[in-house]
Amino acid sequence: MQGEPAARKRSPLAVFGTLIGVAAAVLAVDQLAKAWVTANLPFNSPREILGPLLIFRRVLNSGAAFSFASGSTWVFSIIAAAVVVFLIWFARRIRSLSWAVLFGLLLGGTLGNLTDRLLRPPGFGVGRVVDFIQIPVLQAIFNIADSAIVTSMALFVLLTLRGTGLDGVRRTGRPQD
């Protein structure tokens, strides 16, 4: 079995610290970007960043991805709060820096959108999420928190396909000698 080299193995406290550090960084960057966009970009006014490939357009989303279930913000607030509690509870099992980064991205992204739902108008638990990154070819408008969540899912697929466990040990599926 292969795993992280001995020099890269970390204590549970270091792994948890990595998870919290990544989550805090994602939350901070997400909220700072949303504050900047809210202060500087008029609502629904496109601003080309990389020509037609990348556009900033501030919109408010009361639903999930692609505005799914708009108007059910309070449901998403409850789900997001439950996810945050689960991630913090589950974090004690993680012994791998790769998994800590994955869960940090997921926690930070979830907290970023939950913060909007809790603190933005029209009120507590029903606030709208600020989305502003538009890639026309994807036909989606999203934010930094959404990007972190999607990145965490891509990392999940990668780690799972590689057979890397929460302990950092890579399982190949071959019988042991």
Protein backbone atom coordinates (compact mmCIF):
# COMPACT_ATOMS: atom_id res chain seq x y z
CA MET A 1 0.00 0.00 0.00
CA GLN A 2 1.13 3.48 -0.77
CA GLY A 3 0.25 6.60 1.16
CA GLU A 4 1.56 10.01 1.86
CA PRO A 5 5.32 9.91 2.52
CA ALA A 6 6.20 9.79 6.20
CA ALA A 7 7.51 13.35 6.05
CA ARG A 8 4.08 14.54 4.87
CA LYS A 9 2.01 12.73 7.51
CA ARG A 10 0.50 15.16 9.97
CA SER A 11 -1.03 15.00 13.39
CA PRO A 12 -4.83 15.14 13.64
CA LEU A 13 -4.50 18.69 14.98
CA ALA A 14 -2.43 19.79 11.97
CA VAL A 15 -4.90 18.17 9.57
CA PHE A 16 -7.85 19.83 11.34
CA GLY A 17 -5.94 23.14 11.28
CA THR A 18 -5.45 22.77 7.52
CA LEU A 19 -9.15 22.10 7.05
CA ILE A 20 -10.13 25.15 9.13
CA GLY A 21 -7.49 27.32 7.45
CA VAL A 22 -8.69 26.43 3.95
CA ALA A 23 -12.31 26.96 5.00
CA ALA A 24 -11.50 30.35 6.54
CA ALA A 25 -9.56 31.44 3.43
CA VAL A 26 -12.41 30.42 1.09
CA LEU A 27 -14.99 32.18 3.30
CA ALA A 28 -12.89 35.35 3.50
CA VAL A 29 -12.15 35.53 -0.24
CA ASP A 30 -15.79 34.76 -1.07
CA GLN A 31 -17.21 37.42 1.23
CA LEU A 32 -14.62 40.04 0.23
CA ALA A 33 -15.33 39.40 -3.47
CA LYS A 34 -19.08 39.66 -2.88
CA ALA A 35 -18.63 42.90 -0.92
CA TRP A 36 -16.51 44.36 -3.73
CA VAL A 37 -18.99 43.27 -6.40
CA THR A 38 -21.96 44.62 -4.42
CA ALA A 39 -20.22 47.98 -3.95
CA ASN A 40 -18.83 48.35 -7.47
CA LEU A 41 -20.94 46.47 -9.97
CA PRO A 42 -24.47 47.64 -10.75
CA PHE A 43 -27.11 44.94 -10.54
CA ASN A 44 -27.37 42.79 -13.68
CA SER A 45 -24.95 45.00 -15.66
CA PRO A 46 -22.41 42.83 -17.47
CA ARG A 47 -18.74 43.79 -17.38
CA GLU A 48 -16.46 41.82 -19.69
CA ILE A 49 -13.30 40.66 -17.95
CA LEU A 50 -11.85 38.37 -20.65
CA GLY A 51 -13.94 39.47 -23.58
CA PRO A 52 -16.98 37.27 -24.05
CA LEU A 53 -15.30 34.34 -22.23
CA LEU A 54 -15.57 35.72 -18.68
CA ILE A 55 -18.10 38.31 -17.57
CA PHE A 56 -18.88 39.76 -14.16
CA ARG A 57 -22.64 40.22 -13.76
CA ARG A 58 -24.09 40.72 -10.27
CA VAL A 59 -27.29 38.77 -9.70
CA LEU A 60 -29.09 37.52 -6.60
CA ASN A 61 -30.03 33.87 -6.27
CA SER A 62 -32.69 32.66 -3.83
CA GLY A 63 -32.37 29.05 -5.01
CA ALA A 64 -29.62 26.54 -5.60
CA ALA A 65 -27.41 26.07 -8.67
CA PHE A 66 -28.96 27.40 -11.87
CA SER A 67 -31.62 29.10 -9.66
CA PHE A 68 -33.16 25.69 -8.95
CA ALA A 69 -36.01 25.88 -6.40
CA SER A 70 -35.99 29.67 -6.19
CA GLY A 71 -37.98 30.81 -3.22
CA SER A 72 -36.92 27.86 -1.07
CA THR A 73 -34.03 29.76 0.50
CA TRP A 74 -34.97 28.78 4.05
CA VAL A 75 -34.73 25.09 3.07
CA PHE A 76 -31.23 25.62 1.66
CA SER A 77 -30.28 27.53 4.82
CA ILE A 78 -31.26 24.56 6.99
CA ILE A 79 -29.49 22.08 4.70
CA ALA A 80 -26.33 24.22 4.62
CA ALA A 81 -26.31 24.56 8.42
CA ALA A 82 -26.67 20.78 8.74
CA VAL A 83 -23.80 20.27 6.27
CA VAL A 84 -21.57 22.62 8.29
CA VAL A 85 -22.31 20.74 11.53
CA PHE A 86 -21.69 17.38 9.81
CA LEU A 87 -18.39 18.52 8.26
CA ILE A 88 -17.07 19.79 11.59
CA TRP A 89 -18.16 16.56 13.34
CA PHE A 90 -16.73 14.36 10.57
CA ALA A 91 -13.40 16.25 10.42
CA ARG A 92 -12.03 14.25 13.38
CA ARG A 93 -11.77 11.18 11.12
CA ILE A 94 -9.52 12.83 8.55
CA ARG A 95 -5.78 12.08 8.70
CA SER A 96 -4.82 13.18 5.19
CA LEU A 97 -3.90 16.68 4.06
CA SER A 98 -5.56 16.05 0.69
CA TRP A 99 -8.86 15.17 2.36
CA ALA A 100 -8.44 18.11 4.74
CA VAL A 101 -8.14 20.48 1.77
CA LEU A 102 -11.20 18.86 0.16
CA PHE A 103 -13.31 19.24 3.29
CA GLY A 104 -11.95 22.76 3.88
CA LEU A 105 -13.05 23.80 0.38
CA LEU A 106 -16.47 22.27 0.95
CA LEU A 107 -16.86 23.84 4.40
CA GLY A 108 -15.68 27.27 3.25
CA GLY A 109 -17.96 27.24 0.21
CA THR A 110 -20.94 26.12 2.24
CA LEU A 111 -20.27 28.80 4.86
CA GLY A 112 -19.89 31.46 2.15
CA ASN A 113 -23.32 30.83 0.69
CA LEU A 114 -24.88 30.23 4.13
CA THR A 115 -23.56 33.61 5.27
CA ASP A 116 -25.42 35.24 2.39
CA ARG A 117 -28.62 33.36 3.21
CA LEU A 118 -28.40 34.37 6.87
CA LEU A 119 -27.25 37.99 6.57
CA ARG A 120 -28.39 39.43 3.25
CA PRO A 121 -31.82 40.86 2.38
CA PRO A 122 -34.64 40.13 2.53
CA GLY A 123 -33.90 38.65 5.98
CA PHE A 124 -32.38 36.04 8.25
CA GLY A 125 -32.43 32.57 6.69
CA VAL A 126 -34.03 33.80 3.47
CA GLY A 127 -31.29 36.09 2.13
CA ARG A 128 -30.26 35.87 -1.47
CA VAL A 129 -26.83 34.61 -2.52
CA VAL A 130 -24.69 37.03 -4.56
CA ASP A 131 -23.52 35.42 -7.79
CA PHE A 132 -21.31 37.32 -10.23
CA ILE A 133 -18.97 35.11 -12.27
CA GLN A 134 -20.48 34.34 -15.64
CA ILE A 135 -18.95 32.01 -18.18
CA PRO A 136 -21.39 32.18 -21.10
CA VAL A 137 -20.35 28.84 -22.57
CA LEU A 138 -21.43 27.17 -19.29
CA GLN A 139 -24.63 29.20 -19.14
CA ALA A 140 -24.14 29.72 -15.42
CA ILE A 141 -23.51 32.56 -13.01
CA PHE A 142 -21.77 31.59 -9.77
CA ASN A 143 -19.45 32.86 -7.04
CA ILE A 144 -16.22 31.94 -5.23
CA ALA A 145 -18.07 29.72 -2.73
CA ASP A 146 -19.68 27.77 -5.57
CA SER A 147 -16.26 27.36 -7.20
CA ALA A 148 -14.82 25.97 -3.96
CA ILE A 149 -17.67 23.48 -3.64
CA VAL A 150 -17.25 22.28 -7.23
CA THR A 151 -13.47 22.05 -6.77
CA SER A 152 -13.98 19.96 -3.63
CA MET A 153 -16.20 17.57 -5.59
CA ALA A 154 -13.58 17.25 -8.34
CA LEU A 155 -10.96 16.52 -5.67
CA PHE A 156 -13.33 13.95 -4.13
CA VAL A 157 -13.59 12.14 -7.47
CA LEU A 158 -9.81 12.25 -7.93
CA LEU A 159 -9.03 10.94 -4.43
CA THR A 160 -11.69 8.24 -4.74
CA LEU A 161 -10.44 7.09 -8.14
CA ARG A 162 -6.90 6.97 -6.77
CA GLY A 163 -8.14 4.91 -3.82
CA THR A 164 -6.86 7.40 -1.24
CA GLY A 165 -8.54 6.86 2.12
CA LEU A 166 -9.28 9.46 4.78
CA ASP A 167 -6.07 8.30 6.47
CA GLY A 168 -4.04 9.20 3.36
CA VAL A 169 -3.26 5.57 2.55
CA ARG A 170 -3.72 4.65 -1.08
CA ARG A 171 -5.50 1.36 -1.56
CA THR A 172 -4.83 -0.27 -4.90
CA GLY A 173 -7.35 -3.10 -4.66
CA ARG A 174 -4.63 -5.69 -5.24
CA PRO A 175 -4.27 -8.62 -2.86
CA GLN A 176 -1.53 -8.11 -0.30
CA ASP A 177 1.66 -10.19 -0.50
